């Protein structure tokens, strides 16, 4: 869990189209079809929400992410997929962010 992988994330305005994006694995595989949940990652840091998580390229943790530029994990933009739809592993989310991801997901789902 908490790997950063490649995935063809659908466009918000046209679910039939998409492009390869880095995505954060936020759940283990579950159920008959071994579905997993991914969160969208973008380099667009405009209009940040309090449920977004910024990964700053200038910080020492950044190389383990496998990302090329500072990026934002959009924890409100999620998708459930099967493992065969997921591309290669690019990197991992640094351990120091796992607690923050959990807190922000609780906000997304209004569990706090």
PDB file of N, CA and C in Angstrom:
ATOM      1  N   UNK A   1       0.834  -1.183   0.000  1.00  0.00           N
ATOM      2  CA  UNK A   1       0.000   0.000   0.000  1.00  0.00           C
ATOM      3  C   UNK A   1       0.880   1.249   0.000  1.00  0.00           C
ATOM      4  N   UNK A   2       0.305   2.354  -0.386  1.00  0.00           N
ATOM      5  CA  UNK A   2       0.979   3.660  -0.468  1.00  0.00           C
ATOM      6  C   UNK A   2       2.108   3.679  -1.493  1.00  0.00           C
ATOM      7  N   UNK A   3       1.947   2.850  -2.526  1.00  0.00           N
ATOM      8  CA  UNK A   3       2.861   2.911  -3.662  1.00  0.00           C
ATOM      9  C   UNK A   3       2.347   3.988  -4.613  1.00  0.00           C
ATOM     10  N   UNK A   4       3.249   4.569  -5.366  1.00  0.00           N
ATOM     11  CA  UNK A   4       2.867   5.480  -6.439  1.00  0.00           C
ATOM     12  C   UNK A   4       3.041   4.696  -7.735  1.00  0.00           C
ATOM     13  N   UNK A   5       1.944   4.577  -8.478  1.00  0.00           N
ATOM     14  CA  UNK A   5       1.901   3.734  -9.669  1.00  0.00           C
ATOM     15  C   UNK A   5       1.419   4.545 -10.866  1.00  0.00           C
ATOM     16  N   UNK A   6       1.634   4.003 -12.053  1.00  0.00           N
ATOM     17  CA  UNK A   6       1.066   4.599 -13.260  1.00  0.00           C
ATOM     18  C   UNK A   6      -0.326   4.013 -13.479  1.00  0.00           C
ATOM     19  N   UNK A   7      -1.248   4.874 -13.887  1.00  0.00           N
ATOM     20  CA  UNK A   7      -2.617   4.444 -14.156  1.00  0.00           C
ATOM     21  C   UNK A   7      -3.242   5.412 -15.152  1.00  0.00           C
ATOM     22  N   UNK A   8      -4.036   4.905 -16.075  1.00  0.00           N
ATOM     23  CA  UNK A   8      -4.733   5.782 -17.016  1.00  0.00           C
ATOM     24  C   UNK A   8      -5.987   6.299 -16.315  1.00  0.00           C
ATOM     25  N   UNK A   9      -5.827   7.457 -15.679  1.00  0.00           N
ATOM     26  CA  UNK A   9      -6.908   8.065 -14.906  1.00  0.00           C
ATOM     27  C   UNK A   9      -7.869   8.761 -15.868  1.00  0.00           C
ATOM     28  N   UNK A  10      -9.165   8.502 -15.731  1.00  0.00           N
ATOM     29  CA  UNK A  10     -10.139   9.148 -16.623  1.00  0.00           C
ATOM     30  C   UNK A  10     -10.180  10.666 -16.409  1.00  0.00           C
ATOM     31  N   UNK A  11     -10.472  11.387 -17.472  1.00  0.00           N
ATOM     32  CA  UNK A  11     -10.673  12.825 -17.365  1.00  0.00           C
ATOM     33  C   UNK A  11     -11.945  13.082 -16.562  1.00  0.00           C
ATOM     34  N   UNK A  12     -11.965  14.171 -15.814  1.00  0.00           N
ATOM     35  CA  UNK A  12     -13.123  14.503 -14.979  1.00  0.00           C
ATOM     36  C   UNK A  12     -14.369  14.775 -15.816  1.00  0.00           C
ATOM     37  N   UNK A  13     -14.186  15.329 -17.005  1.00  0.00           N
ATOM     38  CA  UNK A  13     -15.338  15.677 -17.835  1.00  0.00           C
ATOM     39  C   UNK A  13     -15.632  14.673 -18.947  1.00  0.00           C
ATOM     40  N   UNK A  14     -14.846  13.609 -19.055  1.00  0.00           N
ATOM     41  CA  UNK A  14     -15.081  12.575 -20.063  1.00  0.00           C
ATOM     42  C   UNK A  14     -14.480  11.264 -19.559  1.00  0.00           C
ATOM     43  N   UNK A  15     -15.302  10.477 -18.886  1.00  0.00           N
ATOM     44  CA  UNK A  15     -14.832   9.252 -18.238  1.00  0.00           C
ATOM     45  C   UNK A  15     -14.363   8.198 -19.230  1.00  0.00           C
ATOM     46  N   UNK A  16     -14.720   8.365 -20.514  1.00  0.00           N
ATOM     47  CA  UNK A  16     -14.289   7.401 -21.531  1.00  0.00           C
ATOM     48  C   UNK A  16     -12.873   7.674 -22.032  1.00  0.00           C
ATOM     49  N   UNK A  17     -12.321   8.826 -21.652  1.00  0.00           N
ATOM     50  CA  UNK A  17     -10.973   9.182 -22.078  1.00  0.00           C
ATOM     51  C   UNK A  17     -10.118   9.455 -20.852  1.00  0.00           C
ATOM     52  N   UNK A  18      -8.822   9.319 -21.015  1.00  0.00           N
ATOM     53  CA  UNK A  18      -7.907   9.592 -19.914  1.00  0.00           C
ATOM     54  C   UNK A  18      -6.486   9.589 -20.410  1.00  0.00           C
ATOM     55  N   UNK A  19      -5.561   9.786 -19.478  1.00  0.00           N
ATOM     56  CA  UNK A  19      -4.153   9.715 -19.842  1.00  0.00           C
ATOM     57  C   UNK A  19      -3.386   9.125 -18.672  1.00  0.00           C
ATOM     58  N   UNK A  20      -2.216   8.532 -18.957  1.00  0.00           N
ATOM     59  CA  UNK A  20      -1.429   7.941 -17.871  1.00  0.00           C
ATOM     60  C   UNK A  20      -1.048   9.005 -16.844  1.00  0.00           C
ATOM     61  N   UNK A  21      -1.308   8.693 -15.578  1.00  0.00           N
ATOM     62  CA  UNK A  21      -1.032   9.609 -14.481  1.00  0.00           C
ATOM     63  C   UNK A  21      -0.373   8.837 -13.355  1.00  0.00           C
ATOM     64  N   UNK A  22       0.450   9.503 -12.589  1.00  0.00           N
ATOM     65  CA  UNK A  22       0.849   8.853 -11.343  1.00  0.00           C
ATOM     66  C   UNK A  22      -0.365   8.841 -10.416  1.00  0.00           C
ATOM     67  N   UNK A  23      -0.495   7.793  -9.656  1.00  0.00           N
ATOM     68  CA  UNK A  23      -1.624   7.626  -8.743  1.00  0.00           C
ATOM     69  C   UNK A  23      -1.123   6.950  -7.473  1.00  0.00           C
ATOM     70  N   UNK A  24      -1.765   7.281  -6.366  1.00  0.00           N
ATOM     71  CA  UNK A  24      -1.382   6.704  -5.081  1.00  0.00           C
ATOM     72  C   UNK A  24      -2.300   5.552  -4.730  1.00  0.00           C
ATOM     73  N   UNK A  25      -1.733   4.400  -4.440  1.00  0.00           N
ATOM     74  CA  UNK A  25      -2.515   3.254  -3.969  1.00  0.00           C
ATOM     75  C   UNK A  25      -2.865   3.523  -2.511  1.00  0.00           C
ATOM     76  N   UNK A  26      -4.172   3.596  -2.196  1.00  0.00           N
ATOM     77  CA  UNK A  26      -4.564   3.915  -0.820  1.00  0.00           C
ATOM     78  C   UNK A  26      -5.322   2.792  -0.131  1.00  0.00           C
ATOM     79  N   UNK A  27      -5.437   1.642  -0.788  1.00  0.00           N
ATOM     80  CA  UNK A  27      -6.079   0.508  -0.112  1.00  0.00           C
ATOM     81  C   UNK A  27      -5.399  -0.785  -0.526  1.00  0.00           C
ATOM     82  N   UNK A  28      -5.472  -1.776   0.320  1.00  0.00           N
ATOM     83  CA  UNK A  28      -5.019  -3.098  -0.126  1.00  0.00           C
ATOM     84  C   UNK A  28      -6.055  -3.648  -1.103  1.00  0.00           C
ATOM     85  N   UNK A  29      -5.695  -4.680  -1.836  1.00  0.00           N
ATOM     86  CA  UNK A  29      -6.655  -5.344  -2.712  1.00  0.00           C
ATOM     87  C   UNK A  29      -7.706  -6.043  -1.861  1.00  0.00           C
ATOM     88  N   UNK A  30      -8.966  -5.997  -2.339  1.00  0.00           N
ATOM     89  CA  UNK A  30     -10.036  -6.623  -1.569  1.00  0.00           C
ATOM     90  C   UNK A  30     -11.119  -7.161  -2.497  1.00  0.00           C
ATOM     91  N   UNK A  31     -11.899  -8.111  -1.970  1.00  0.00           N
ATOM     92  CA  UNK A  31     -13.036  -8.659  -2.696  1.00  0.00           C
ATOM     93  C   UNK A  31     -12.661  -9.699  -3.732  1.00  0.00           C
ATOM     94  N   UNK A  32     -13.681 -10.239  -4.348  1.00  0.00           N
ATOM     95  CA  UNK A  32     -13.544 -11.298  -5.350  1.00  0.00           C
ATOM     96  C   UNK A  32     -12.601 -10.903  -6.492  1.00  0.00           C
ATOM     97  N   UNK A  33     -12.680  -9.641  -6.902  1.00  0.00           N
ATOM     98  CA  UNK A  33     -11.874  -9.189  -8.036  1.00  0.00           C
ATOM     99  C   UNK A  33     -10.601  -8.454  -7.620  1.00  0.00           C
ATOM    100  N   UNK A  34     -10.307  -8.485  -6.314  1.00  0.00           N
ATOM    101  CA  UNK A  34      -9.088  -7.869  -5.791  1.00  0.00           C
ATOM    102  C   UNK A  34      -8.975  -6.383  -6.155  1.00  0.00           C
ATOM    103  N   UNK A  35     -10.112  -5.671  -6.048  1.00  0.00           N
ATOM    104  CA  UNK A  35     -10.115  -4.233  -6.326  1.00  0.00           C
ATOM    105  C   UNK A  35      -9.211  -3.484  -5.344  1.00  0.00           C
ATOM    106  N   UNK A  36      -8.673  -2.374  -5.821  1.00  0.00           N
ATOM    107  CA  UNK A  36      -7.899  -1.477  -4.978  1.00  0.00           C
ATOM    108  C   UNK A  36      -8.311  -0.044  -5.297  1.00  0.00           C
ATOM    109  N   UNK A  37      -8.065   0.870  -4.387  1.00  0.00           N
ATOM    110  CA  UNK A  37      -8.459   2.266  -4.570  1.00  0.00           C
ATOM    111  C   UNK A  37      -7.212   3.112  -4.811  1.00  0.00           C
ATOM    112  N   UNK A  38      -7.309   3.960  -5.839  1.00  0.00           N
ATOM    113  CA  UNK A  38      -6.221   4.859  -6.208  1.00  0.00           C
ATOM    114  C   UNK A  38      -6.672   6.307  -6.050  1.00  0.00           C
ATOM    115  N   UNK A  39      -5.724   7.181  -5.724  1.00  0.00           N
ATOM    116  CA  UNK A  39      -5.961   8.620  -5.671  1.00  0.00           C
ATOM    117  C   UNK A  39      -5.167   9.292  -6.789  1.00  0.00           C
ATOM    118  N   UNK A  40      -5.752  10.292  -7.360  1.00  0.00           N
ATOM    119  CA  UNK A  40      -5.199  11.063  -8.466  1.00  0.00           C
ATOM    120  C   UNK A  40      -4.016  11.921  -8.007  1.00  0.00           C
ATOM    121  N   UNK A  41      -2.970  11.994  -8.824  1.00  0.00           N
ATOM    122  CA  UNK A  41      -1.824  12.858  -8.556  1.00  0.00           C
ATOM    123  C   UNK A  41      -1.638  13.780  -9.762  1.00  0.00           C
ATOM    124  N   UNK A  42      -1.424  15.062  -9.489  1.00  0.00           N
ATOM    125  CA  UNK A  42      -1.250  16.059 -10.536  1.00  0.00           C
ATOM    126  C   UNK A  42      -0.127  17.028 -10.169  1.00  0.00           C
ATOM    127  N   UNK A  43       0.413  17.696 -11.164  1.00  0.00           N
ATOM    128  CA  UNK A  43       1.395  18.743 -10.897  1.00  0.00           C
ATOM    129  C   UNK A  43       0.716  20.107 -10.741  1.00  0.00           C
ATOM    130  N   UNK A  44      -0.577  20.175 -11.008  1.00  0.00           N
ATOM    131  CA  UNK A  44      -1.333  21.431 -10.902  1.00  0.00           C
ATOM    132  C   UNK A  44      -1.611  21.734  -9.430  1.00  0.00           C
ATOM    133  N   UNK A  45      -0.940  22.751  -8.913  1.00  0.00           N
ATOM    134  CA  UNK A  45      -1.103  23.094  -7.494  1.00  0.00           C
ATOM    135  C   UNK A  45      -2.004  24.310  -7.284  1.00  0.00           C
ATOM    136  N   UNK A  46      -2.752  24.698  -8.315  1.00  0.00           N
ATOM    137  CA  UNK A  46      -3.720  25.778  -8.143  1.00  0.00           C
ATOM    138  C   UNK A  46      -4.971  25.219  -7.476  1.00  0.00           C
ATOM    139  N   UNK A  47      -5.663  26.046  -6.758  1.00  0.00           N
ATOM    140  CA  UNK A  47      -6.917  25.654  -6.103  1.00  0.00           C
ATOM    141  C   UNK A  47      -6.758  24.454  -5.179  1.00  0.00           C
ATOM    142  N   UNK A  48      -5.765  24.503  -4.307  1.00  0.00           N
ATOM    143  CA  UNK A  48      -5.547  23.411  -3.354  1.00  0.00           C
ATOM    144  C   UNK A  48      -6.694  23.327  -2.356  1.00  0.00           C
ATOM    145  N   UNK A  49      -7.096  22.113  -2.046  1.00  0.00           N
ATOM    146  CA  UNK A  49      -8.120  21.857  -1.038  1.00  0.00           C
ATOM    147  C   UNK A  49      -7.452  21.408   0.247  1.00  0.00           C
ATOM    148  N   UNK A  50      -8.163  21.477   1.350  1.00  0.00           N
ATOM    149  CA  UNK A  50      -7.564  21.019   2.613  1.00  0.00           C
ATOM    150  C   UNK A  50      -7.425  19.500   2.667  1.00  0.00           C
ATOM    151  N   UNK A  51      -7.958  18.813   1.677  1.00  0.00           N
ATOM    152  CA  UNK A  51      -7.789  17.359   1.593  1.00  0.00           C
ATOM    153  C   UNK A  51      -6.699  16.962   0.599  1.00  0.00           C
ATOM    154  N   UNK A  52      -6.023  17.953   0.017  1.00  0.00           N
ATOM    155  CA  UNK A  52      -4.914  17.685  -0.898  1.00  0.00           C
ATOM    156  C   UNK A  52      -3.610  17.566  -0.118  1.00  0.00           C
ATOM    157  N   UNK A  53      -2.672  16.848  -0.688  1.00  0.00           N
ATOM    158  CA  UNK A  53      -1.369  16.653  -0.058  1.00  0.00           C
ATOM    159  C   UNK A  53      -0.284  17.027  -1.061  1.00  0.00           C
ATOM    160  N   UNK A  54       0.527  18.018  -0.698  1.00  0.00           N
ATOM    161  CA  UNK A  54       1.594  18.496  -1.579  1.00  0.00           C
ATOM    162  C   UNK A  54       2.885  17.722  -1.321  1.00  0.00           C
ATOM    163  N   UNK A  55       3.475  17.227  -2.407  1.00  0.00           N
ATOM    164  CA  UNK A  55       4.792  16.584  -2.357  1.00  0.00           C
ATOM    165  C   UNK A  55       5.765  17.533  -3.038  1.00  0.00           C
ATOM    166  N   UNK A  56       6.665  18.114  -2.256  1.00  0.00           N
ATOM    167  CA  UNK A  56       7.566  19.170  -2.705  1.00  0.00           C
ATOM    168  C   UNK A  56       8.884  18.597  -3.210  1.00  0.00           C
ATOM    169  N   UNK A  57       9.195  18.873  -4.454  1.00  0.00           N
ATOM    170  CA  UNK A  57      10.403  18.348  -5.104  1.00  0.00           C
ATOM    171  C   UNK A  57      11.693  18.782  -4.397  1.00  0.00           C
ATOM    172  N   UNK A  58      11.653  19.895  -3.683  1.00  0.00           N
ATOM    173  CA  UNK A  58      12.877  20.413  -3.041  1.00  0.00           C
ATOM    174  C   UNK A  58      13.177  19.741  -1.700  1.00  0.00           C
ATOM    175  N   UNK A  59      12.286  18.869  -1.232  1.00  0.00           N
ATOM    176  CA  UNK A  59      12.469  18.235   0.081  1.00  0.00           C
ATOM    177  C   UNK A  59      13.271  16.935  -0.040  1.00  0.00           C
ATOM    178  N   UNK A  60      13.983  16.571   1.036  1.00  0.00           N
ATOM    179  CA  UNK A  60      14.840  15.369   0.987  1.00  0.00           C
ATOM    180  C   UNK A  60      14.082  14.058   0.746  1.00  0.00           C
ATOM    181  N   UNK A  61      12.816  13.991   1.120  1.00  0.00           N
ATOM    182  CA  UNK A  61      12.037  12.755   0.948  1.00  0.00           C
ATOM    183  C   UNK A  61      11.666  12.498  -0.512  1.00  0.00           C
ATOM    184  N   UNK A  62      11.688  13.525  -1.364  1.00  0.00           N
ATOM    185  CA  UNK A  62      11.073  13.463  -2.685  1.00  0.00           C
ATOM    186  C   UNK A  62      11.559  12.336  -3.593  1.00  0.00           C
ATOM    187  N   UNK A  63      12.844  12.015  -3.668  1.00  0.00           N
ATOM    188  CA  UNK A  63      13.294  10.985  -4.612  1.00  0.00           C
ATOM    189  C   UNK A  63      12.577   9.631  -4.490  1.00  0.00           C
ATOM    190  N   UNK A  64      12.165   9.235  -3.291  1.00  0.00           N
ATOM    191  CA  UNK A  64      11.510   7.921  -3.151  1.00  0.00           C
ATOM    192  C   UNK A  64      10.131   7.882  -3.801  1.00  0.00           C
ATOM    193  N   UNK A  65       9.562   9.062  -4.110  1.00  0.00           N
ATOM    194  CA  UNK A  65       8.230   9.093  -4.728  1.00  0.00           C
ATOM    195  C   UNK A  65       8.263   8.632  -6.180  1.00  0.00           C
ATOM    196  N   UNK A  66       9.416   8.778  -6.833  1.00  0.00           N
ATOM    197  CA  UNK A  66       9.507   8.429  -8.247  1.00  0.00           C
ATOM    198  C   UNK A  66       8.902   9.484  -9.159  1.00  0.00           C
ATOM    199  N   UNK A  67       8.407  10.566  -8.589  1.00  0.00           N
ATOM    200  CA  UNK A  67       7.821  11.648  -9.373  1.00  0.00           C
ATOM    201  C   UNK A  67       8.926  12.549  -9.911  1.00  0.00           C
ATOM    202  N   UNK A  68       8.621  13.315 -10.946  1.00  0.00           N
ATOM    203  CA  UNK A  68       9.618  14.185 -11.560  1.00  0.00           C
ATOM    204  C   UNK A  68       9.483  15.634 -11.115  1.00  0.00           C
ATOM    205  N   UNK A  69       8.289  16.026 -10.707  1.00  0.00           N
ATOM    206  CA  UNK A  69       8.006  17.410 -10.334  1.00  0.00           C
ATOM    207  C   UNK A  69       7.204  17.435  -9.047  1.00  0.00           C
ATOM    208  N   UNK A  70       7.220  18.583  -8.380  1.00  0.00           N
ATOM    209  CA  UNK A  70       6.345  18.747  -7.221  1.00  0.00           C
ATOM    210  C   UNK A  70       4.927  18.387  -7.659  1.00  0.00           C
ATOM    211  N   UNK A  71       4.212  17.691  -6.805  1.00  0.00           N
ATOM    212  CA  UNK A  71       2.907  17.154  -7.188  1.00  0.00           C
ATOM    213  C   UNK A  71       1.928  17.252  -6.035  1.00  0.00           C
ATOM    214  N   UNK A  72       0.647  17.148  -6.383  1.00  0.00           N
ATOM    215  CA  UNK A  72      -0.426  17.196  -5.406  1.00  0.00           C
ATOM    216  C   UNK A  72      -1.226  15.901  -5.493  1.00  0.00           C
ATOM    217  N   UNK A  73      -1.398  15.252  -4.358  1.00  0.00           N
ATOM    218  CA  UNK A  73      -2.273  14.073  -4.291  1.00  0.00           C
ATOM    219  C   UNK A  73      -3.667  14.586  -3.973  1.00  0.00           C
ATOM    220  N   UNK A  74      -4.610  14.326  -4.866  1.00  0.00           N
ATOM    221  CA  UNK A  74      -5.996  14.771  -4.728  1.00  0.00           C
ATOM    222  C   UNK A  74      -6.789  13.635  -4.067  1.00  0.00           C
ATOM    223  N   UNK A  75      -6.887  13.689  -2.755  1.00  0.00           N
ATOM    224  CA  UNK A  75      -7.503  12.578  -2.021  1.00  0.00           C
ATOM    225  C   UNK A  75      -9.025  12.542  -2.124  1.00  0.00           C
ATOM    226  N   UNK A  76      -9.623  13.537  -2.759  1.00  0.00           N
ATOM    227  CA  UNK A  76     -11.062  13.503  -3.019  1.00  0.00           C
ATOM    228  C   UNK A  76     -11.351  12.901  -4.398  1.00  0.00           C
ATOM    229  N   UNK A  77     -10.323  12.717  -5.195  1.00  0.00           N
ATOM    230  CA  UNK A  77     -10.493  12.172  -6.545  1.00  0.00           C
ATOM    231  C   UNK A  77      -9.969  10.744  -6.563  1.00  0.00           C
ATOM    232  N   UNK A  78     -10.872   9.799  -6.337  1.00  0.00           N
ATOM    233  CA  UNK A  78     -10.520   8.394  -6.148  1.00  0.00           C
ATOM    234  C   UNK A  78     -11.175   7.528  -7.217  1.00  0.00           C
ATOM    235  N   UNK A  79     -10.575   6.362  -7.431  1.00  0.00           N
ATOM    236  CA  UNK A  79     -11.149   5.395  -8.354  1.00  0.00           C
ATOM    237  C   UNK A  79     -10.830   3.993  -7.842  1.00  0.00           C
ATOM    238  N   UNK A  80     -11.761   3.066  -8.052  1.00  0.00           N
ATOM    239  CA  UNK A  80     -11.567   1.667  -7.676  1.00  0.00           C
ATOM    240  C   UNK A  80     -11.270   0.878  -8.946  1.00  0.00           C
ATOM    241  N   UNK A  81     -10.168   0.110  -8.933  1.00  0.00           N
ATOM    242  CA  UNK A  81      -9.721  -0.590 -10.132  1.00  0.00           C
ATOM    243  C   UNK A  81      -9.248  -2.003  -9.779  1.00  0.00           C
ATOM    244  N   UNK A  82      -9.093  -2.807 -10.812  1.00  0.00           N
ATOM    245  CA  UNK A  82      -8.505  -4.133 -10.634  1.00  0.00           C
ATOM    246  C   UNK A  82      -6.997  -4.031 -10.849  1.00  0.00           C
ATOM    247  N   UNK A  83      -6.222  -4.929 -10.262  1.00  0.00           N
ATOM    248  CA  UNK A  83      -4.759  -4.872 -10.396  1.00  0.00           C
ATOM    249  C   UNK A  83      -4.264  -4.877 -11.842  1.00  0.00           C
ATOM    250  N   UNK A  84      -4.995  -5.547 -12.744  1.00  0.00           N
ATOM    251  CA  UNK A  84      -4.548  -5.606 -14.145  1.00  0.00           C
ATOM    252  C   UNK A  84      -4.593  -4.238 -14.830  1.00  0.00           C
ATOM    253  N   UNK A  85      -5.321  -3.295 -14.267  1.00  0.00           N
ATOM    254  CA  UNK A  85      -5.414  -1.954 -14.844  1.00  0.00           C
ATOM    255  C   UNK A  85      -4.267  -1.045 -14.390  1.00  0.00           C
ATOM    256  N   UNK A  86      -3.561  -1.465 -13.370  1.00  0.00           N
ATOM    257  CA  UNK A  86      -2.507  -0.632 -12.790  1.00  0.00           C
ATOM    258  C   UNK A  86      -1.191  -0.893 -13.509  1.00  0.00           C
ATOM    259  N   UNK A  87      -0.500   0.199 -13.825  1.00  0.00           N
ATOM    260  CA  UNK A  87       0.791   0.098 -14.490  1.00  0.00           C
ATOM    261  C   UNK A  87       1.922  -0.100 -13.497  1.00  0.00           C
ATOM    262  N   UNK A  88       3.105   0.254 -13.930  1.00  0.00           N
ATOM    263  CA  UNK A  88       4.312   0.019 -13.136  1.00  0.00           C
ATOM    264  C   UNK A  88       4.348   0.863 -11.861  1.00  0.00           C
ATOM    265  N   UNK A  89       5.060   0.356 -10.883  1.00  0.00           N
ATOM    266  CA  UNK A  89       5.299   1.100  -9.654  1.00  0.00           C
ATOM    267  C   UNK A  89       6.387   2.129  -9.929  1.00  0.00           C
ATOM    268  N   UNK A  90       6.099   3.389  -9.604  1.00  0.00           N
ATOM    269  CA  UNK A  90       7.054   4.475  -9.815  1.00  0.00           C
ATOM    270  C   UNK A  90       7.864   4.746  -8.555  1.00  0.00           C
ATOM    271  N   UNK A  91       7.209   4.624  -7.400  1.00  0.00           N
ATOM    272  CA  UNK A  91       7.857   4.938  -6.139  1.00  0.00           C
ATOM    273  C   UNK A  91       6.903   4.672  -4.991  1.00  0.00           C
ATOM    274  N   UNK A  92       7.189   5.291  -3.852  1.00  0.00           N
ATOM    275  CA  UNK A  92       6.345   5.112  -2.674  1.00  0.00           C
ATOM    276  C   UNK A  92       6.076   6.476  -2.023  1.00  0.00           C
ATOM    277  N   UNK A  93       5.031   6.508  -1.235  1.00  0.00           N
ATOM    278  CA  UNK A  93       4.760   7.683  -0.420  1.00  0.00           C
ATOM    279  C   UNK A  93       5.653   7.597   0.807  1.00  0.00           C
ATOM    280  N   UNK A  94       6.408   8.651   1.098  1.00  0.00           N
ATOM    281  CA  UNK A  94       7.253   8.615   2.295  1.00  0.00           C
ATOM    282  C   UNK A  94       6.423   8.373   3.557  1.00  0.00           C
ATOM    283  N   UNK A  95       6.962   7.583   4.467  1.00  0.00           N
ATOM    284  CA  UNK A  95       6.252   7.219   5.703  1.00  0.00           C
ATOM    285  C   UNK A  95       5.727   8.427   6.462  1.00  0.00           C
ATOM    286  N   UNK A  96       6.435   9.542   6.396  1.00  0.00           N
ATOM    287  CA  UNK A  96       6.036  10.729   7.154  1.00  0.00           C
ATOM    288  C   UNK A  96       4.684  11.295   6.714  1.00  0.00           C
ATOM    289  N   UNK A  97       4.157  10.850   5.565  1.00  0.00           N
ATOM    290  CA  UNK A  97       2.873  11.359   5.074  1.00  0.00           C
ATOM    291  C   UNK A  97       1.700  10.416   5.320  1.00  0.00           C
ATOM    292  N   UNK A  98       1.947   9.211   5.767  1.00  0.00           N
ATOM    293  CA  UNK A  98       0.869   8.230   5.899  1.00  0.00           C
ATOM    294  C   UNK A  98      -0.193   8.687   6.889  1.00  0.00           C
ATOM    295  N   UNK A  99       0.202   9.211   8.018  1.00  0.00           N
ATOM    296  CA  UNK A  99      -0.769   9.697   9.005  1.00  0.00           C
ATOM    297  C   UNK A  99      -1.618  10.829   8.410  1.00  0.00           C
ATOM    298  N   UNK A 100      -0.964  11.728   7.676  1.00  0.00           N
ATOM    299  CA  UNK A 100      -1.688  12.851   7.062  1.00  0.00           C
ATOM    300  C   UNK A 100      -2.679  12.367   6.000  1.00  0.00           C
ATOM    301  N   UNK A 101      -2.293  11.372   5.221  1.00  0.00           N
ATOM    302  CA  UNK A 101      -3.209  10.796   4.226  1.00  0.00           C
ATOM    303  C   UNK A 101      -4.446  10.244   4.932  1.00  0.00           C
ATOM    304  N   UNK A 102      -4.240   9.511   6.002  1.00  0.00           N
ATOM    305  CA  UNK A 102      -5.373   8.934   6.736  1.00  0.00           C
ATOM    306  C   UNK A 102      -6.289  10.026   7.290  1.00  0.00           C
ATOM    307  N   UNK A 103      -5.712  11.079   7.834  1.00  0.00           N
ATOM    308  CA  UNK A 103      -6.514  12.185   8.364  1.00  0.00           C
ATOM    309  C   UNK A 103      -7.315  12.869   7.261  1.00  0.00           C
ATOM    310  N   UNK A 104      -6.690  13.097   6.133  1.00  0.00           N
ATOM    311  CA  UNK A 104      -7.361  13.773   5.030  1.00  0.00           C
ATOM    312  C   UNK A 104      -8.460  12.894   4.430  1.00  0.00           C
ATOM    313  N   UNK A 105      -8.241  11.586   4.375  1.00  0.00           N
ATOM    314  CA  UNK A 105      -9.296  10.693   3.897  1.00  0.00           C
ATOM    315  C   UNK A 105     -10.486  10.688   4.860  1.00  0.00           C
ATOM    316  N   UNK A 106     -10.223  10.824   6.135  1.00  0.00           N
ATOM    317  CA  UNK A 106     -11.320  10.917   7.104  1.00  0.00           C
ATOM    318  C   UNK A 106     -12.138  12.187   6.845  1.00  0.00           C
ATOM    319  N   UNK A 107     -11.474  13.269   6.442  1.00  0.00           N
ATOM    320  CA  UNK A 107     -12.201  14.502   6.088  1.00  0.00           C
ATOM    321  C   UNK A 107     -13.038  14.279   4.829  1.00  0.00           C
ATOM    322  N   UNK A 108     -12.426  13.635   3.814  1.00  0.00           N
ATOM    323  CA  UNK A 108     -13.134  13.392   2.567  1.00  0.00           C
ATOM    324  C   UNK A 108     -14.432  12.635   2.840  1.00  0.00           C
ATOM    325  N   UNK A 109     -14.363  11.629   3.678  1.00  0.00           N
ATOM    326  CA  UNK A 109     -15.532  10.790   3.946  1.00  0.00           C
ATOM    327  C   UNK A 109     -16.324  11.236   5.171  1.00  0.00           C
ATOM    328  N   UNK A 110     -15.959  12.409   5.704  1.00  0.00           N
ATOM    329  CA  UNK A 110     -16.644  13.011   6.859  1.00  0.00           C
ATOM    330  C   UNK A 110     -16.757  12.023   8.026  1.00  0.00           C
ATOM    331  N   UNK A 111     -15.622  11.408   8.338  1.00  0.00           N
ATOM    332  CA  UNK A 111     -15.578  10.426   9.436  1.00  0.00           C
ATOM    333  C   UNK A 111     -15.010  11.021  10.711  1.00  0.00           C
ATOM    334  N   UNK A 112     -14.826  12.326  10.770  1.00  0.00           N
ATOM    335  CA  UNK A 112     -14.340  12.936  11.987  1.00  0.00           C
ATOM    336  C   UNK A 112     -15.175  14.132  12.364  1.00  0.00           C
TER     337      UNK A 112
END
